[in-house]
Amino acid sequence: MKTRKFPQGYIGLDFGKNGLRALSFGSKQSLVDGIIPKSASRPKADFWGAKQEVRLRRIMSQLRKYFCCERVNFKVKIDWSDIPKFTQKVLKATRTIPYGEVRSYSEIAAKIGKPKASRAVGQALARNPLPIVIPCHRVIKSDGTLGGFAWGKKWKQRLLEHEGFKVIKGKLSL
């Protein structure tokens, strides 16, 4: 895992052979201790090289822009190899939500052809190994309340407010 300091804290990035596989946020020590999403298994061999260094610089540049209030739709190769097919569909649909927009869990379910699978969509998003890059914070409940988030509701609220939304008493003010 590679860690970098941002004004908001440390971000850890884990790469597989096929691209980015996990993004974690926390203290440097928590990231060094390996507190990363369970879905991100460790690489079997040390393969860090020039290609991964370029990917690291690219994603760090995009994250800096995002945290400096630029509209960023992350362009980064993702390693989908450890992610179940249904979760992949959910994450790929979520990845298309533009900066400054939100969708409901039921809208994502309909988009992937499973209109009655709102709860399953929520469960898949709870396992998102790449928050921010795959913007699961932009998925809310149909009634406008925030719903869950792997880093906690406070972080979900902060990210939505960062993107220009107003959150009042746990509900998005549209």
Foldseek 3Di string as FASTA:
>chain_A
DDWDADPVEIWDWAAEPQWTEAIDGDHPVCVVVPPAFPLDDHYPDDDDDDVVVVLVVQVVVQVNCVLVLDFGLDDIGYDCPSPDPVLVLLLVLLSPAGQLAAEELQVSCVVSPRNVCSVVSLVSQLRPRYDPNSPPLRYDHPVQARRAHNVGLVVSQVSNVSSPWDADPRGTDD
